């Protein structure tokens, strides 16, 4: 499975994904990092961007961090 390093910026004014390296991205989310809202929004946005089901997106490392490792 490919792994991606995601730097999450919660509380942004817009939602967007910016590629910063081969498998590295910065994701700007409107959701706040409260009660897992940002993680839920991240999974939704990544599944839409990469055209994969939400159930296939897994946070493997950094669930409570701004830098996460994601697998599809």
N, C-alpha and C. Protein backbone atom coordinates (compact mmCIF):
# COMPACT_ATOMS: atom_id res chain seq x y z
N UNK A 1 0.83 -1.19 0.00
CA UNK A 1 0.00 0.00 0.00
C UNK A 1 0.87 1.24 0.00
N UNK A 2 0.51 2.23 -0.80
CA UNK A 2 1.28 3.48 -0.78
C UNK A 2 1.01 4.25 0.51
N UNK A 3 2.05 4.85 1.05
CA UNK A 3 1.92 5.69 2.24
C UNK A 3 2.16 7.14 1.84
N UNK A 4 1.41 8.02 2.46
CA UNK A 4 1.53 9.45 2.19
C UNK A 4 1.73 10.18 3.51
N UNK A 5 2.59 11.18 3.50
CA UNK A 5 2.80 12.03 4.65
C UNK A 5 1.94 13.27 4.44
N UNK A 6 1.05 13.53 5.39
CA UNK A 6 0.10 14.62 5.27
C UNK A 6 0.31 15.60 6.42
N UNK A 7 0.57 16.86 6.09
CA UNK A 7 0.61 17.92 7.09
C UNK A 7 -0.76 18.61 7.06
N UNK A 8 -1.46 18.58 8.17
CA UNK A 8 -2.83 19.10 8.23
C UNK A 8 -2.84 20.48 8.87
N UNK A 9 -3.55 21.39 8.23
CA UNK A 9 -3.72 22.75 8.74
C UNK A 9 -5.21 22.97 9.01
N UNK A 10 -5.70 22.60 10.21
CA UNK A 10 -7.12 22.78 10.52
C UNK A 10 -7.47 24.24 10.77
N UNK A 11 -8.75 24.55 10.61
CA UNK A 11 -9.23 25.91 10.86
C UNK A 11 -8.89 26.89 9.76
N UNK A 12 -8.59 26.40 8.57
CA UNK A 12 -8.26 27.28 7.44
C UNK A 12 -9.53 27.88 6.85
N UNK A 13 -9.38 28.93 6.06
CA UNK A 13 -10.53 29.58 5.45
C UNK A 13 -11.05 28.81 4.25
N UNK A 14 -10.23 27.94 3.68
CA UNK A 14 -10.67 27.13 2.54
C UNK A 14 -10.10 25.73 2.66
N UNK A 15 -10.70 24.79 1.92
CA UNK A 15 -10.20 23.42 1.90
C UNK A 15 -9.46 23.19 0.60
N UNK A 16 -8.20 22.75 0.72
CA UNK A 16 -7.43 22.45 -0.48
C UNK A 16 -6.30 21.50 -0.13
N UNK A 17 -5.79 20.84 -1.17
CA UNK A 17 -4.67 19.91 -1.04
C UNK A 17 -3.54 20.42 -1.90
N UNK A 18 -2.35 20.57 -1.30
CA UNK A 18 -1.17 21.05 -2.01
C UNK A 18 -0.09 19.98 -1.92
N UNK A 19 0.40 19.52 -3.07
CA UNK A 19 1.47 18.52 -3.07
C UNK A 19 2.79 19.22 -2.80
N UNK A 20 3.54 18.71 -1.80
CA UNK A 20 4.81 19.33 -1.42
C UNK A 20 6.00 18.44 -1.71
N UNK A 21 5.75 17.19 -2.10
CA UNK A 21 6.81 16.24 -2.41
C UNK A 21 6.22 15.06 -3.15
N UNK A 22 7.02 14.00 -3.34
CA UNK A 22 6.53 12.83 -4.07
C UNK A 22 5.28 12.24 -3.42
N UNK A 23 5.36 11.92 -2.15
CA UNK A 23 4.22 11.37 -1.41
C UNK A 23 3.91 12.25 -0.20
N UNK A 24 4.12 13.55 -0.35
CA UNK A 24 3.89 14.48 0.75
C UNK A 24 2.92 15.57 0.31
N UNK A 25 1.98 15.85 1.20
CA UNK A 25 0.95 16.84 0.90
C UNK A 25 0.70 17.71 2.13
N UNK A 26 0.25 18.93 1.89
CA UNK A 26 -0.30 19.78 2.94
C UNK A 26 -1.78 19.93 2.64
N UNK A 27 -2.60 19.65 3.64
CA UNK A 27 -4.05 19.70 3.47
C UNK A 27 -4.60 20.77 4.39
N UNK A 28 -5.31 21.72 3.80
CA UNK A 28 -5.95 22.81 4.54
C UNK A 28 -7.42 22.44 4.74
N UNK A 29 -7.87 22.44 5.99
CA UNK A 29 -9.24 22.06 6.32
C UNK A 29 -9.97 23.17 7.06
N UNK A 30 -11.26 23.29 6.82
CA UNK A 30 -12.07 24.25 7.58
C UNK A 30 -12.37 23.72 8.98
N UNK A 31 -12.46 22.41 9.11
CA UNK A 31 -12.82 21.78 10.39
C UNK A 31 -11.76 22.06 11.45
N UNK A 32 -12.23 22.16 12.67
CA UNK A 32 -11.34 22.38 13.82
C UNK A 32 -10.88 21.02 14.36
N UNK A 33 -9.71 20.98 15.00
CA UNK A 33 -9.22 19.72 15.57
C UNK A 33 -9.90 19.42 16.91
N UNK A 34 -11.20 19.19 16.87
CA UNK A 34 -11.97 18.96 18.08
C UNK A 34 -12.85 17.73 17.87
N UNK A 35 -12.76 16.77 18.77
CA UNK A 35 -13.55 15.53 18.72
C UNK A 35 -13.41 14.79 17.40
N UNK A 36 -12.23 14.83 16.79
CA UNK A 36 -11.98 14.09 15.56
C UNK A 36 -12.59 14.68 14.31
N UNK A 37 -13.11 15.90 14.40
CA UNK A 37 -13.74 16.54 13.23
C UNK A 37 -12.75 16.75 12.10
N UNK A 38 -11.53 17.15 12.41
CA UNK A 38 -10.53 17.39 11.37
C UNK A 38 -10.13 16.08 10.70
N UNK A 39 -10.00 15.00 11.46
CA UNK A 39 -9.64 13.71 10.87
C UNK A 39 -10.74 13.21 9.94
N UNK A 40 -12.00 13.39 10.35
CA UNK A 40 -13.12 12.99 9.50
C UNK A 40 -13.14 13.80 8.22
N UNK A 41 -12.94 15.10 8.33
CA UNK A 41 -12.90 15.97 7.15
C UNK A 41 -11.72 15.63 6.25
N UNK A 42 -10.58 15.28 6.86
CA UNK A 42 -9.39 14.89 6.10
C UNK A 42 -9.66 13.64 5.27
N UNK A 43 -10.24 12.63 5.88
CA UNK A 43 -10.54 11.38 5.17
C UNK A 43 -11.51 11.64 4.03
N UNK A 44 -12.51 12.46 4.28
CA UNK A 44 -13.50 12.78 3.24
C UNK A 44 -12.83 13.50 2.06
N UNK A 45 -12.00 14.49 2.35
CA UNK A 45 -11.34 15.27 1.30
C UNK A 45 -10.34 14.43 0.52
N UNK A 46 -9.57 13.60 1.21
CA UNK A 46 -8.59 12.75 0.53
C UNK A 46 -9.27 11.70 -0.35
N UNK A 47 -10.37 11.13 0.13
CA UNK A 47 -11.06 10.12 -0.68
C UNK A 47 -11.63 10.75 -1.95
N UNK A 48 -12.10 11.97 -1.84
CA UNK A 48 -12.62 12.67 -3.02
C UNK A 48 -11.49 13.03 -3.99
N UNK A 49 -10.37 13.52 -3.45
CA UNK A 49 -9.24 13.95 -4.27
C UNK A 49 -8.60 12.77 -5.02
N UNK A 50 -8.41 11.66 -4.31
CA UNK A 50 -7.76 10.49 -4.91
C UNK A 50 -8.74 9.50 -5.53
N UNK A 51 -10.03 9.83 -5.46
CA UNK A 51 -11.09 9.01 -6.06
C UNK A 51 -11.07 7.57 -5.53
N UNK A 52 -11.05 7.45 -4.21
CA UNK A 52 -11.10 6.15 -3.54
C UNK A 52 -12.21 6.21 -2.49
N UNK A 53 -12.75 5.06 -2.08
CA UNK A 53 -13.78 5.07 -1.04
C UNK A 53 -13.21 5.54 0.30
N UNK A 54 -14.05 6.20 1.09
CA UNK A 54 -13.61 6.69 2.40
C UNK A 54 -13.13 5.55 3.30
N UNK A 55 -13.70 4.38 3.13
CA UNK A 55 -13.33 3.23 3.97
C UNK A 55 -11.93 2.72 3.66
N UNK A 56 -11.37 3.10 2.51
CA UNK A 56 -10.02 2.62 2.18
C UNK A 56 -8.93 3.60 2.62
N UNK A 57 -9.29 4.73 3.18
CA UNK A 57 -8.32 5.72 3.68
C UNK A 57 -8.11 5.45 5.17
N UNK A 58 -6.86 5.20 5.56
CA UNK A 58 -6.55 4.87 6.95
C UNK A 58 -5.43 5.77 7.46
N UNK A 59 -5.65 6.36 8.64
CA UNK A 59 -4.59 7.12 9.31
C UNK A 59 -3.78 6.10 10.11
N UNK A 60 -2.56 5.83 9.65
CA UNK A 60 -1.75 4.80 10.31
C UNK A 60 -0.86 5.36 11.41
N UNK A 61 -0.58 6.65 11.37
CA UNK A 61 0.27 7.28 12.38
C UNK A 61 -0.11 8.75 12.49
N UNK A 62 -0.14 9.27 13.72
CA UNK A 62 -0.37 10.69 13.93
C UNK A 62 -1.82 11.11 14.00
N UNK A 63 -2.69 10.25 14.50
CA UNK A 63 -4.12 10.59 14.56
C UNK A 63 -4.38 11.85 15.39
N UNK A 64 -3.52 12.14 16.36
CA UNK A 64 -3.69 13.33 17.19
C UNK A 64 -2.61 14.36 16.94
N UNK A 65 -1.97 14.27 15.77
CA UNK A 65 -0.88 15.16 15.41
C UNK A 65 -1.24 15.92 14.14
N UNK A 66 -0.52 17.00 13.87
CA UNK A 66 -0.72 17.75 12.63
C UNK A 66 -0.05 17.06 11.44
N UNK A 67 0.90 16.18 11.71
CA UNK A 67 1.57 15.42 10.65
C UNK A 67 1.12 13.97 10.76
N UNK A 68 0.52 13.47 9.70
CA UNK A 68 -0.07 12.13 9.72
C UNK A 68 0.50 11.28 8.60
N UNK A 69 0.48 9.98 8.80
CA UNK A 69 0.82 9.02 7.75
C UNK A 69 -0.50 8.36 7.34
N UNK A 70 -0.76 8.38 6.04
CA UNK A 70 -2.02 7.87 5.50
C UNK A 70 -1.72 6.73 4.55
N UNK A 71 -2.55 5.69 4.60
CA UNK A 71 -2.46 4.59 3.63
C UNK A 71 -3.80 4.46 2.92
N UNK A 72 -3.74 4.05 1.66
CA UNK A 72 -4.97 3.77 0.90
C UNK A 72 -5.05 2.29 0.64
